[in-house]
Amino acid sequence: MSKTLFEKICDREIPAEIVYEDELCVAFKDIHPQAPVHIQLVPRKAITMLSNAESSDQALLGHLLLTAPKIAAAQGYPDAFRLAINNGAAVGQSVFHLHVHILAGRPFKWPPG
């Protein structure tokens, strides 16, 4: 199976504006931002979508959620950001590699959509 766009970014095969990385994940600026701050936080492990994560991924998923606020804070938004995870094409997932959208810098409405 060929690598996803996000795997290629993690492996530095294609360029991205990386704002954070560690042994488990990479975060980079979205190329089509939907807010002044729009960062994709992706695990290095290729998981197609949240519903395909396994119990063995629990620590990784927790790491993503604990890392996202640190990234938001580093971007100047320690207390005002939104996280979004799309699960499937019908709700807007276009790259089938699990990713957390970190959005900040403008007001958001509820419900989203």
PDB file of N, CA and C in Angstrom:
ATOM      1  N   MET A   1       0.834  -1.175   0.000  1.00  0.00           N
ATOM      2  CA  MET A   1       0.000   0.000   0.000  1.00  0.00           C
ATOM      3  C   MET A   1       0.885   1.246   0.000  1.00  0.00           C
ATOM      4  N   SER A   2       0.499   2.261  -0.776  1.00  0.00           N
ATOM      5  CA  SER A   2       1.312   3.467  -0.862  1.00  0.00           C
ATOM      6  C   SER A   2       1.113   4.351   0.367  1.00  0.00           C
ATOM      7  N   LYS A   3       2.090   5.182   0.619  1.00  0.00           N
ATOM      8  CA  LYS A   3       2.044   6.064   1.772  1.00  0.00           C
ATOM      9  C   LYS A   3       1.016   7.171   1.575  1.00  0.00           C
ATOM     10  N   THR A   4       0.415   7.588   2.681  1.00  0.00           N
ATOM     11  CA  THR A   4      -0.488   8.734   2.627  1.00  0.00           C
ATOM     12  C   THR A   4       0.338  10.016   2.566  1.00  0.00           C
ATOM     13  N   LEU A   5      -0.316  11.098   2.237  1.00  0.00           N
ATOM     14  CA  LEU A   5       0.311  12.406   2.237  1.00  0.00           C
ATOM     15  C   LEU A   5       0.946  12.685   3.598  1.00  0.00           C
ATOM     16  N   PHE A   6       0.236  12.344   4.676  1.00  0.00           N
ATOM     17  CA  PHE A   6       0.744  12.632   6.010  1.00  0.00           C
ATOM     18  C   PHE A   6       1.929  11.743   6.382  1.00  0.00           C
ATOM     19  N   GLU A   7       1.943  10.515   5.919  1.00  0.00           N
ATOM     20  CA  GLU A   7       3.112   9.663   6.142  1.00  0.00           C
ATOM     21  C   GLU A   7       4.332  10.255   5.436  1.00  0.00           C
ATOM     22  N   LYS A   8       4.128  10.768   4.241  1.00  0.00           N
ATOM     23  CA  LYS A   8       5.227  11.372   3.490  1.00  0.00           C
ATOM     24  C   LYS A   8       5.754  12.618   4.198  1.00  0.00           C
ATOM     25  N   ILE A   9       4.846  13.396   4.811  1.00  0.00           N
ATOM     26  CA  ILE A   9       5.284  14.561   5.579  1.00  0.00           C
ATOM     27  C   ILE A   9       6.078  14.101   6.796  1.00  0.00           C
ATOM     28  N   CYS A  10       5.562  13.111   7.522  1.00  0.00           N
ATOM     29  CA  CYS A  10       6.267  12.590   8.698  1.00  0.00           C
ATOM     30  C   CYS A  10       7.653  12.072   8.341  1.00  0.00           C
ATOM     31  N   ASP A  11       7.774  11.467   7.181  1.00  0.00           N
ATOM     32  CA  ASP A  11       9.047  10.904   6.723  1.00  0.00           C
ATOM     33  C   ASP A  11       9.916  11.924   5.986  1.00  0.00           C
ATOM     34  N   ARG A  12       9.456  13.170   5.933  1.00  0.00           N
ATOM     35  CA  ARG A  12      10.193  14.266   5.284  1.00  0.00           C
ATOM     36  C   ARG A  12      10.408  14.036   3.793  1.00  0.00           C
ATOM     37  N   GLU A  13       9.476  13.315   3.182  1.00  0.00           N
ATOM     38  CA  GLU A  13       9.561  13.095   1.740  1.00  0.00           C
ATOM     39  C   GLU A  13       8.948  14.252   0.969  1.00  0.00           C
ATOM     40  N   ILE A  14       8.038  14.990   1.602  1.00  0.00           N
ATOM     41  CA  ILE A  14       7.486  16.203   1.019  1.00  0.00           C
ATOM     42  C   ILE A  14       7.534  17.290   2.093  1.00  0.00           C
ATOM     43  N   PRO A  15       7.664  18.536   1.675  1.00  0.00           N
ATOM     44  CA  PRO A  15       7.828  19.607   2.661  1.00  0.00           C
ATOM     45  C   PRO A  15       6.519  19.975   3.359  1.00  0.00           C
ATOM     46  N   ALA A  16       6.662  20.471   4.563  1.00  0.00           N
ATOM     47  CA  ALA A  16       5.549  21.020   5.330  1.00  0.00           C
ATOM     48  C   ALA A  16       6.144  21.980   6.345  1.00  0.00           C
ATOM     49  N   GLU A  17       5.321  22.896   6.821  1.00  0.00           N
ATOM     50  CA  GLU A  17       5.769  23.831   7.851  1.00  0.00           C
ATOM     51  C   GLU A  17       5.521  23.189   9.211  1.00  0.00           C
ATOM     52  N   ILE A  18       6.486  22.424   9.660  1.00  0.00           N
ATOM     53  CA  ILE A  18       6.360  21.653  10.899  1.00  0.00           C
ATOM     54  C   ILE A  18       6.535  22.589  12.087  1.00  0.00           C
ATOM     55  N   VAL A  19       5.588  22.499  13.040  1.00  0.00           N
ATOM     56  CA  VAL A  19       5.630  23.340  14.238  1.00  0.00           C
ATOM     57  C   VAL A  19       5.952  22.539  15.493  1.00  0.00           C
ATOM     58  N   TYR A  20       5.869  21.216  15.398  1.00  0.00           N
ATOM     59  CA  TYR A  20       6.152  20.360  16.555  1.00  0.00           C
ATOM     60  C   TYR A  20       6.387  18.943  16.052  1.00  0.00           C
ATOM     61  N   GLU A  21       7.272  18.236  16.729  1.00  0.00           N
ATOM     62  CA  GLU A  21       7.406  16.803  16.475  1.00  0.00           C
ATOM     63  C   GLU A  21       8.077  16.136  17.660  1.00  0.00           C
ATOM     64  N   ASP A  22       7.724  14.880  17.850  1.00  0.00           N
ATOM     65  CA  ASP A  22       8.371  14.035  18.841  1.00  0.00           C
ATOM     66  C   ASP A  22       8.377  12.620  18.286  1.00  0.00           C
ATOM     67  N   GLU A  23       8.701  11.655  19.105  1.00  0.00           N
ATOM     68  CA  GLU A  23       8.820  10.275  18.606  1.00  0.00           C
ATOM     69  C   GLU A  23       7.480   9.673  18.182  1.00  0.00           C
ATOM     70  N   LEU A  24       6.365  10.249  18.629  1.00  0.00           N
ATOM     71  CA  LEU A  24       5.045   9.676  18.345  1.00  0.00           C
ATOM     72  C   LEU A  24       4.223  10.451  17.326  1.00  0.00           C
ATOM     73  N   CYS A  25       4.508  11.746  17.162  1.00  0.00           N
ATOM     74  CA  CYS A  25       3.636  12.552  16.307  1.00  0.00           C
ATOM     75  C   CYS A  25       4.378  13.715  15.663  1.00  0.00           C
ATOM     76  N   VAL A  26       3.719  14.294  14.664  1.00  0.00           N
ATOM     77  CA  VAL A  26       4.226  15.463  13.947  1.00  0.00           C
ATOM     78  C   VAL A  26       3.050  16.425  13.788  1.00  0.00           C
ATOM     79  N   ALA A  27       3.322  17.722  13.958  1.00  0.00           N
ATOM     80  CA  ALA A  27       2.304  18.749  13.758  1.00  0.00           C
ATOM     81  C   ALA A  27       2.811  19.761  12.742  1.00  0.00           C
ATOM     82  N   PHE A  28       1.940  20.145  11.816  1.00  0.00           N
ATOM     83  CA  PHE A  28       2.328  21.072  10.766  1.00  0.00           C
ATOM     84  C   PHE A  28       1.142  21.938  10.375  1.00  0.00           C
ATOM     85  N   LYS A  29       1.437  23.091   9.801  1.00  0.00           N
ATOM     86  CA  LYS A  29       0.401  24.027   9.396  1.00  0.00           C
ATOM     87  C   LYS A  29      -0.373  23.462   8.207  1.00  0.00           C
ATOM     88  N   ASP A  30      -1.685  23.633   8.263  1.00  0.00           N
ATOM     89  CA  ASP A  30      -2.563  23.195   7.181  1.00  0.00           C
ATOM     90  C   ASP A  30      -2.337  24.094   5.962  1.00  0.00           C
ATOM     91  N   ILE A  31      -2.322  23.513   4.776  1.00  0.00           N
ATOM     92  CA  ILE A  31      -2.091  24.312   3.569  1.00  0.00           C
ATOM     93  C   ILE A  31      -3.352  25.044   3.106  1.00  0.00           C
ATOM     94  N   HIS A  32      -4.523  24.691   3.651  1.00  0.00           N
ATOM     95  CA  HIS A  32      -5.789  25.376   3.364  1.00  0.00           C
ATOM     96  C   HIS A  32      -6.444  25.728   4.690  1.00  0.00           C
ATOM     97  N   PRO A  33      -5.855  26.670   5.431  1.00  0.00           N
ATOM     98  CA  PRO A  33      -6.334  26.933   6.788  1.00  0.00           C
ATOM     99  C   PRO A  33      -7.770  27.442   6.842  1.00  0.00           C
ATOM    100  N   GLN A  34      -8.489  26.968   7.853  1.00  0.00           N
ATOM    101  CA  GLN A  34      -9.868  27.377   8.099  1.00  0.00           C
ATOM    102  C   GLN A  34      -9.956  28.346   9.276  1.00  0.00           C
ATOM    103  N   ALA A  35      -8.831  28.743   9.809  1.00  0.00           N
ATOM    104  CA  ALA A  35      -8.737  29.699  10.910  1.00  0.00           C
ATOM    105  C   ALA A  35      -7.322  30.273  10.874  1.00  0.00           C
ATOM    106  N   PRO A  36      -7.097  31.397  11.576  1.00  0.00           N
ATOM    107  CA  PRO A  36      -5.742  31.945  11.597  1.00  0.00           C
ATOM    108  C   PRO A  36      -4.688  30.934  12.060  1.00  0.00           C
ATOM    109  N   VAL A  37      -5.051  30.079  13.008  1.00  0.00           N
ATOM    110  CA  VAL A  37      -4.195  28.951  13.373  1.00  0.00           C
ATOM    111  C   VAL A  37      -4.940  27.686  12.968  1.00  0.00           C
ATOM    112  N   HIS A  38      -4.349  26.905  12.094  1.00  0.00           N
ATOM    113  CA  HIS A  38      -4.924  25.619  11.678  1.00  0.00           C
ATOM    114  C   HIS A  38      -3.763  24.660  11.479  1.00  0.00           C
ATOM    115  N   ILE A  39      -3.620  23.784  12.441  1.00  0.00           N
ATOM    116  CA  ILE A  39      -2.500  22.844  12.464  1.00  0.00           C
ATOM    117  C   ILE A  39      -3.032  21.432  12.447  1.00  0.00           C
ATOM    118  N   GLN A  40      -2.364  20.571  11.693  1.00  0.00           N
ATOM    119  CA  GLN A  40      -2.681  19.146  11.673  1.00  0.00           C
ATOM    120  C   GLN A  40      -1.715  18.435  12.605  1.00  0.00           C
ATOM    121  N   LEU A  41      -2.263  17.699  13.543  1.00  0.00           N
ATOM    122  CA  LEU A  41      -1.456  16.886  14.455  1.00  0.00           C
ATOM    123  C   LEU A  41      -1.680  15.433  14.071  1.00  0.00           C
ATOM    124  N   VAL A  42      -0.631  14.766  13.619  1.00  0.00           N
ATOM    125  CA  VAL A  42      -0.767  13.406  13.107  1.00  0.00           C
ATOM    126  C   VAL A  42       0.154  12.448  13.843  1.00  0.00           C
ATOM    127  N   PRO A  43      -0.347  11.250  14.119  1.00  0.00           N
ATOM    128  CA  PRO A  43       0.551  10.246  14.692  1.00  0.00           C
ATOM    129  C   PRO A  43       1.496   9.730  13.612  1.00  0.00           C
ATOM    130  N   ARG A  44       2.691   9.376  14.016  1.00  0.00           N
ATOM    131  CA  ARG A  44       3.610   8.765  13.051  1.00  0.00           C
ATOM    132  C   ARG A  44       3.079   7.400  12.609  1.00  0.00           C
ATOM    133  N   LYS A  45       2.393   6.722  13.512  1.00  0.00           N
ATOM    134  CA  LYS A  45       1.781   5.435  13.168  1.00  0.00           C
ATOM    135  C   LYS A  45       0.611   5.694  12.229  1.00  0.00           C
ATOM    136  N   ALA A  46       0.545   4.950  11.156  1.00  0.00           N
ATOM    137  CA  ALA A  46      -0.536   5.112  10.187  1.00  0.00           C
ATOM    138  C   ALA A  46      -1.795   4.400  10.672  1.00  0.00           C
ATOM    139  N   ILE A  47      -2.754   5.192  11.117  1.00  0.00           N
ATOM    140  CA  ILE A  47      -4.084   4.707  11.482  1.00  0.00           C
ATOM    141  C   ILE A  47      -5.025   5.441  10.534  1.00  0.00           C
ATOM    142  N   THR A  48      -5.817   4.734   9.764  1.00  0.00           N
ATOM    143  CA  THR A  48      -6.613   5.403   8.732  1.00  0.00           C
ATOM    144  C   THR A  48      -7.621   6.386   9.300  1.00  0.00           C
ATOM    145  N   MET A  49      -8.311   6.013  10.373  1.00  0.00           N
ATOM    146  CA  MET A  49      -9.256   6.918  11.018  1.00  0.00           C
ATOM    147  C   MET A  49      -9.533   6.439  12.430  1.00  0.00           C
ATOM    148  N   LEU A  50     -10.114   7.303  13.217  1.00  0.00           N
ATOM    149  CA  LEU A  50     -10.301   7.020  14.633  1.00  0.00           C
ATOM    150  C   LEU A  50     -11.032   5.702  14.861  1.00  0.00           C
ATOM    151  N   SER A  51     -12.035   5.414  14.045  1.00  0.00           N
ATOM    152  CA  SER A  51     -12.799   4.175  14.251  1.00  0.00           C
ATOM    153  C   SER A  51     -11.973   2.923  13.957  1.00  0.00           C
ATOM    154  N   ASN A  52     -10.811   3.076  13.359  1.00  0.00           N
ATOM    155  CA  ASN A  52      -9.931   1.936  13.102  1.00  0.00           C
ATOM    156  C   ASN A  52      -8.805   1.821  14.125  1.00  0.00           C
ATOM    157  N   ALA A  53      -8.782   2.741  15.102  1.00  0.00           N
ATOM    158  CA  ALA A  53      -7.788   2.638  16.175  1.00  0.00           C
ATOM    159  C   ALA A  53      -8.121   1.426  17.034  1.00  0.00           C
ATOM    160  N   GLU A  54      -7.105   0.847  17.624  1.00  0.00           N
ATOM    161  CA  GLU A  54      -7.279  -0.353  18.452  1.00  0.00           C
ATOM    162  C   GLU A  54      -6.950  -0.017  19.898  1.00  0.00           C
ATOM    163  N   SER A  55      -7.293  -0.914  20.787  1.00  0.00           N
ATOM    164  CA  SER A  55      -7.014  -0.668  22.201  1.00  0.00           C
ATOM    165  C   SER A  55      -5.520  -0.463  22.441  1.00  0.00           C
ATOM    166  N   SER A  56      -4.694  -1.064  21.623  1.00  0.00           N
ATOM    167  CA  SER A  56      -3.243  -0.874  21.764  1.00  0.00           C
ATOM    168  C   SER A  56      -2.812   0.547  21.399  1.00  0.00           C
ATOM    169  N   ASP A  57      -3.701   1.328  20.787  1.00  0.00           N
ATOM    170  CA  ASP A  57      -3.409   2.712  20.417  1.00  0.00           C
ATOM    171  C   ASP A  57      -3.820   3.706  21.503  1.00  0.00           C
ATOM    172  N   GLN A  58      -4.307   3.219  22.622  1.00  0.00           N
ATOM    173  CA  GLN A  58      -4.835   4.105  23.663  1.00  0.00           C
ATOM    174  C   GLN A  58      -3.802   5.136  24.116  1.00  0.00           C
ATOM    175  N   ALA A  59      -2.599   4.727  24.397  1.00  0.00           N
ATOM    176  CA  ALA A  59      -1.573   5.669  24.854  1.00  0.00           C
ATOM    177  C   ALA A  59      -1.244   6.692  23.769  1.00  0.00           C
ATOM    178  N   LEU A  60      -1.202   6.270  22.518  1.00  0.00           N
ATOM    179  CA  LEU A  60      -0.932   7.180  21.411  1.00  0.00           C
ATOM    180  C   LEU A  60      -2.045   8.215  21.289  1.00  0.00           C
ATOM    181  N   LEU A  61      -3.288   7.776  21.378  1.00  0.00           N
ATOM    182  CA  LEU A  61      -4.413   8.703  21.272  1.00  0.00           C
ATOM    183  C   LEU A  61      -4.388   9.704  22.428  1.00  0.00           C
ATOM    184  N   GLY A  62      -4.076   9.226  23.613  1.00  0.00           N
ATOM    185  CA  GLY A  62      -3.945  10.122  24.757  1.00  0.00           C
ATOM    186  C   GLY A  62      -2.816  11.116  24.556  1.00  0.00           C
ATOM    187  N   HIS A  63      -1.724  10.653  23.996  1.00  0.00           N
ATOM    188  CA  HIS A  63      -0.586  11.537  23.728  1.00  0.00           C
ATOM    189  C   HIS A  63      -0.997  12.664  22.777  1.00  0.00           C
ATOM    190  N   LEU A  64      -1.764  12.340  21.749  1.00  0.00           N
ATOM    191  CA  LEU A  64      -2.221  13.376  20.819  1.00  0.00           C
ATOM    192  C   LEU A  64      -3.045  14.428  21.541  1.00  0.00           C
ATOM    193  N   LEU A  65      -3.972  13.984  22.398  1.00  0.00           N
ATOM    194  CA  LEU A  65      -4.825  14.933  23.103  1.00  0.00           C
ATOM    195  C   LEU A  65      -4.070  15.742  24.148  1.00  0.00           C
ATOM    196  N   LEU A  66      -3.039  15.201  24.717  1.00  0.00           N
ATOM    197  CA  LEU A  66      -2.225  15.958  25.672  1.00  0.00           C
ATOM    198  C   LEU A  66      -1.222  16.880  24.976  1.00  0.00           C
ATOM    199  N   THR A  67      -0.858  16.561  23.757  1.00  0.00           N
ATOM    200  CA  THR A  67       0.084  17.370  22.993  1.00  0.00           C
ATOM    201  C   THR A  67      -0.608  18.560  22.327  1.00  0.00           C
ATOM    202  N   ALA A  68      -1.844  18.385  21.905  1.00  0.00           N
ATOM    203  CA  ALA A  68      -2.561  19.455  21.196  1.00  0.00           C
ATOM    204  C   ALA A  68      -2.600  20.766  21.984  1.00  0.00           C
ATOM    205  N   PRO A  69      -2.916  20.769  23.287  1.00  0.00           N
ATOM    206  CA  PRO A  69      -2.913  22.046  24.018  1.00  0.00           C
ATOM    207  C   PRO A  69      -1.534  22.705  24.091  1.00  0.00           C
ATOM    208  N   LYS A  70      -0.494  21.916  24.133  1.00  0.00           N
ATOM    209  CA  LYS A  70       0.855  22.473  24.143  1.00  0.00           C
ATOM    210  C   LYS A  70       1.138  23.204  22.828  1.00  0.00           C
ATOM    211  N   ILE A  71       0.694  22.628  21.731  1.00  0.00           N
ATOM    212  CA  ILE A  71       0.883  23.241  20.421  1.00  0.00           C
ATOM    213  C   ILE A  71       0.053  24.514  20.322  1.00  0.00           C
ATOM    214  N   ALA A  72      -1.203  24.456  20.772  1.00  0.00           N
ATOM    215  CA  ALA A  72      -2.065  25.648  20.750  1.00  0.00           C
ATOM    216  C   ALA A  72      -1.437  26.767  21.582  1.00  0.00           C
ATOM    217  N   ALA A  73      -0.924  26.429  22.742  1.00  0.00           N
ATOM    218  CA  ALA A  73      -0.279  27.430  23.604  1.00  0.00           C
ATOM    219  C   ALA A  73       0.940  28.041  22.920  1.00  0.00           C
ATOM    220  N   ALA A  74       1.730  27.217  22.262  1.00  0.00           N
ATOM    221  CA  ALA A  74       2.918  27.707  21.560  1.00  0.00           C
ATOM    222  C   ALA A  74       2.553  28.651  20.418  1.00  0.00           C
ATOM    223  N   GLN A  75       1.324  28.509  19.902  1.00  0.00           N
ATOM    224  CA  GLN A  75       0.841  29.378  18.830  1.00  0.00           C
ATOM    225  C   GLN A  75       0.166  30.638  19.381  1.00  0.00           C
ATOM    226  N   GLY A  76       0.102  30.750  20.717  1.00  0.00           N
ATOM    227  CA  GLY A  76      -0.477  31.929  21.343  1.00  0.00           C
ATOM    228  C   GLY A  76      -1.899  31.772  21.829  1.00  0.00           C
ATOM    229  N   TYR A  77      -2.407  30.544  21.865  1.00  0.00           N
ATOM    230  CA  TYR A  77      -3.789  30.289  22.260  1.00  0.00           C
ATOM    231  C   TYR A  77      -3.858  29.194  23.323  1.00  0.00           C
ATOM    232  N   PRO A  78      -3.393  29.492  24.526  1.00  0.00           N
ATOM    233  CA  PRO A  78      -3.374  28.454  25.564  1.00  0.00           C
ATOM    234  C   PRO A  78      -4.754  28.062  26.085  1.00  0.00           C
ATOM    235  N   ASP A  79      -5.727  28.976  25.974  1.00  0.00           N
ATOM    236  CA  ASP A  79      -7.045  28.721  26.565  1.00  0.00           C
ATOM    237  C   ASP A  79      -8.201  28.851  25.586  1.00  0.00           C
ATOM    238  N   ALA A  80      -7.924  28.993  24.301  1.00  0.00           N
ATOM    239  CA  ALA A  80      -9.000  29.204  23.334  1.00  0.00           C
ATOM    240  C   ALA A  80      -8.644  28.533  22.011  1.00  0.00           C
ATOM    241  N   PHE A  81      -8.983  27.267  21.902  1.00  0.00           N
ATOM    242  CA  PHE A  81      -8.730  26.531  20.663  1.00  0.00           C
ATOM    243  C   PHE A  81      -9.782  25.447  20.519  1.00  0.00           C
ATOM    244  N   ARG A  82      -9.918  24.944  19.321  1.00  0.00           N
ATOM    245  CA  ARG A  82     -10.840  23.849  19.035  1.00  0.00           C
ATOM    246  C   ARG A  82     -10.061  22.704  18.444  1.00  0.00           C
ATOM    247  N   LEU A  83     -10.423  21.488  18.845  1.00  0.00           N
ATOM    248  CA  LEU A  83      -9.878  20.275  18.240  1.00  0.00           C
ATOM    249  C   LEU A  83     -10.994  19.605  17.458  1.00  0.00           C
ATOM    250  N   ALA A  84     -10.660  19.086  16.295  1.00  0.00           N
ATOM    251  CA  ALA A  84     -11.634  18.359  15.482  1.00  0.00           C
ATOM    252  C   ALA A  84     -10.965  17.135  14.883  1.00  0.00           C
ATOM    253  N   ILE A  85     -11.695  16.027  14.897  1.00  0.00           N
ATOM    254  CA  ILE A  85     -11.246  14.790  14.256  1.00  0.00           C
ATOM    255  C   ILE A  85     -12.381  14.331  13.364  1.00  0.00           C
ATOM    256  N   ASN A  86     -12.143  14.300  12.067  1.00  0.00           N
ATOM    257  CA  ASN A  86     -13.135  13.779  11.136  1.00  0.00           C
ATOM    258  C   ASN A  86     -12.921  12.275  10.992  1.00  0.00           C
ATOM    259  N   ASN A  87     -14.017  11.544  10.921  1.00  0.00           N
ATOM    260  CA  ASN A  87     -13.944  10.088  10.816  1.00  0.00           C
ATOM    261  C   ASN A  87     -14.777   9.633   9.622  1.00  0.00           C
ATOM    262  N   GLY A  88     -14.145   9.611   8.456  1.00  0.00           N
ATOM    263  CA  GLY A  88     -14.815   9.145   7.248  1.00  0.00           C
ATOM    264  C   GLY A  88     -15.071  10.261   6.252  1.00  0.00           C
ATOM    265  N   ALA A  89     -15.156   9.881   4.999  1.00  0.00           N
ATOM    266  CA  ALA A  89     -15.348  10.839   3.905  1.00  0.00           C
ATOM    267  C   ALA A  89     -16.653  11.610   4.037  1.00  0.00           C
ATOM    268  N   ALA A  90     -17.692  10.994   4.547  1.00  0.00           N
ATOM    269  CA  ALA A  90     -19.000  11.643   4.647  1.00  0.00           C
ATOM    270  C   ALA A  90     -18.994  12.857   5.572  1.00  0.00           C
ATOM    271  N   VAL A  91     -18.006  12.939   6.469  1.00  0.00           N
ATOM    272  CA  VAL A  91     -17.933  14.083   7.377  1.00  0.00           C
ATOM    273  C   VAL A  91     -16.713  14.958   7.098  1.00  0.00           C
ATOM    274  N   GLY A  92     -16.082  14.758   5.961  1.00  0.00           N
ATOM    275  CA  GLY A  92     -15.023  15.651   5.528  1.00  0.00           C
ATOM    276  C   GLY A  92     -13.603  15.134   5.599  1.00  0.00           C
ATOM    277  N   GLN A  93     -13.399  13.887   6.025  1.00  0.00           N
ATOM    278  CA  GLN A  93     -12.034  13.374   6.053  1.00  0.00           C
ATOM    279  C   GLN A  93     -11.564  13.163   4.620  1.00  0.00           C
ATOM    280  N   SER A  94     -10.454  13.811   4.269  1.00  0.00           N
ATOM    281  CA  SER A  94      -9.951  13.681   2.902  1.00  0.00           C
ATOM    282  C   SER A  94      -8.608  12.964   2.840  1.00  0.00           C
ATOM    283  N   VAL A  95      -7.870  12.944   3.946  1.00  0.00           N
ATOM    284  CA  VAL A  95      -6.634  12.177   4.023  1.00  0.00           C
ATOM    285  C   VAL A  95      -6.878  11.067   5.032  1.00  0.00           C
ATOM    286  N   PHE A  96      -6.758   9.847   4.599  1.00  0.00           N
ATOM    287  CA  PHE A  96      -7.072   8.717   5.470  1.00  0.00           C
ATOM    288  C   PHE A  96      -5.848   8.267   6.258  1.00  0.00           C
ATOM    289  N   HIS A  97      -5.480   9.169   7.137  1.00  0.00           N
ATOM    290  CA  HIS A  97      -4.446   8.997   8.157  1.00  0.00           C
ATOM    291  C   HIS A  97      -4.976   9.852   9.302  1.00  0.00           C
ATOM    292  N   LEU A  98      -5.281   9.225  10.413  1.00  0.00           N
ATOM    293  CA  LEU A  98      -5.832   9.930  11.552  1.00  0.00           C
ATOM    294  C   LEU A  98      -5.105  11.245  11.789  1.00  0.00           C
ATOM    295  N   HIS A  99      -5.874  12.316  12.002  1.00  0.00           N
ATOM    296  CA  HIS A  99      -5.270  13.610  12.303  1.00  0.00           C
ATOM    297  C   HIS A  99      -6.229  14.446  13.137  1.00  0.00           C
ATOM    298  N   VAL A 100      -5.633  15.252  13.986  1.00  0.00           N
ATOM    299  CA  VAL A 100      -6.381  16.159  14.846  1.00  0.00           C
ATOM    300  C   VAL A 100      -6.159  17.568  14.307  1.00  0.00           C
ATOM    301  N   HIS A 101      -7.260  18.244  13.976  1.00  0.00           N
ATOM    302  CA  HIS A 101      -7.178  19.639  13.573  1.00  0.00           C
ATOM    303  C   HIS A 101      -7.113  20.482  14.840  1.00  0.00           C
ATOM    304  N   ILE A 102      -6.137  21.359  14.926  1.00  0.00           N
ATOM    305  CA  ILE A 102      -6.042  22.337  16.007  1.00  0.00           C
ATOM    306  C   ILE A 102      -6.367  23.685  15.375  1.00  0.00           C
ATOM    307  N   LEU A 103      -7.468  24.283  15.805  1.00  0.00           N
ATOM    308  CA  LEU A 103      -7.953  25.533  15.218  1.00  0.00           C
ATOM    309  C   LEU A 103      -8.046  26.608  16.286  1.00  0.00           C
ATOM    310  N   ALA A 104      -7.629  27.829  15.937  1.00  0.00           N
ATOM    311  CA  ALA A 104      -7.693  28.936  16.890  1.00  0.00           C
ATOM    312  C   ALA A 104      -7.565  30.257  16.142  1.00  0.00           C
ATOM    313  N   GLY A 105      -7.857  31.338  16.867  1.00  0.00           N
ATOM    314  CA  GLY A 105      -7.632  32.663  16.314  1.00  0.00           C
ATOM    315  C   GLY A 105      -8.852  33.349  15.752  1.00  0.00           C
ATOM    316  N   ARG A 106     -10.016  32.742  15.862  1.00  0.00           N
ATOM    317  CA  ARG A 106     -11.259  33.365  15.445  1.00  0.00           C
ATOM    318  C   ARG A 106     -12.398  32.738  16.236  1.00  0.00           C
ATOM    319  N   PRO A 107     -13.560  33.404  16.293  1.00  0.00           N
ATOM    320  CA  PRO A 107     -14.710  32.798  16.985  1.00  0.00           C
ATOM    321  C   PRO A 107     -15.224  31.585  16.191  1.00  0.00           C
ATOM    322  N   PHE A 108     -15.712  30.595  16.912  1.00  0.00           N
ATOM    323  CA  PHE A 108     -16.306  29.398  16.309  1.00  0.00           C
ATOM    324  C   PHE A 108     -17.758  29.305  16.767  1.00  0.00           C
ATOM    325  N   LYS A 109     -18.607  28.796  15.913  1.00  0.00           N
ATOM    326  CA  LYS A 109     -20.016  28.641  16.237  1.00  0.00           C
ATOM    327  C   LYS A 109     -20.281  27.224  16.733  1.00  0.00           C
ATOM    328  N   TRP A 110     -21.365  27.067  17.417  1.00  0.00           N
ATOM    329  CA  TRP A 110     -21.826  25.750  17.847  1.00  0.00           C
ATOM    330  C   TRP A 110     -23.294  25.634  17.503  1.00  0.00           C
ATOM    331  N   PRO A 111     -23.738  24.574  16.893  1.00  0.00           N
ATOM    332  CA  PRO A 111     -22.925  23.420  16.504  1.00  0.00           C
ATOM    333  C   PRO A 111     -22.087  23.722  15.271  1.00  0.00           C
ATOM    334  N   PRO A 112     -20.966  22.995  15.148  1.00  0.00           N
ATOM    335  CA  PRO A 112     -20.130  23.180  13.964  1.00  0.00           C
ATOM    336  C   PRO A 112     -20.822  22.599  12.739  1.00  0.00           C
ATOM    337  N   GLY A 113     -20.342  22.982  11.595  1.00  0.00           N
ATOM    338  CA  GLY A 113     -20.873  22.388  10.369  1.00  0.00           C
ATOM    339  C   GLY A 113     -21.370  23.384   9.385  1.00  0.00           C
TER     340      GLY A 113
END
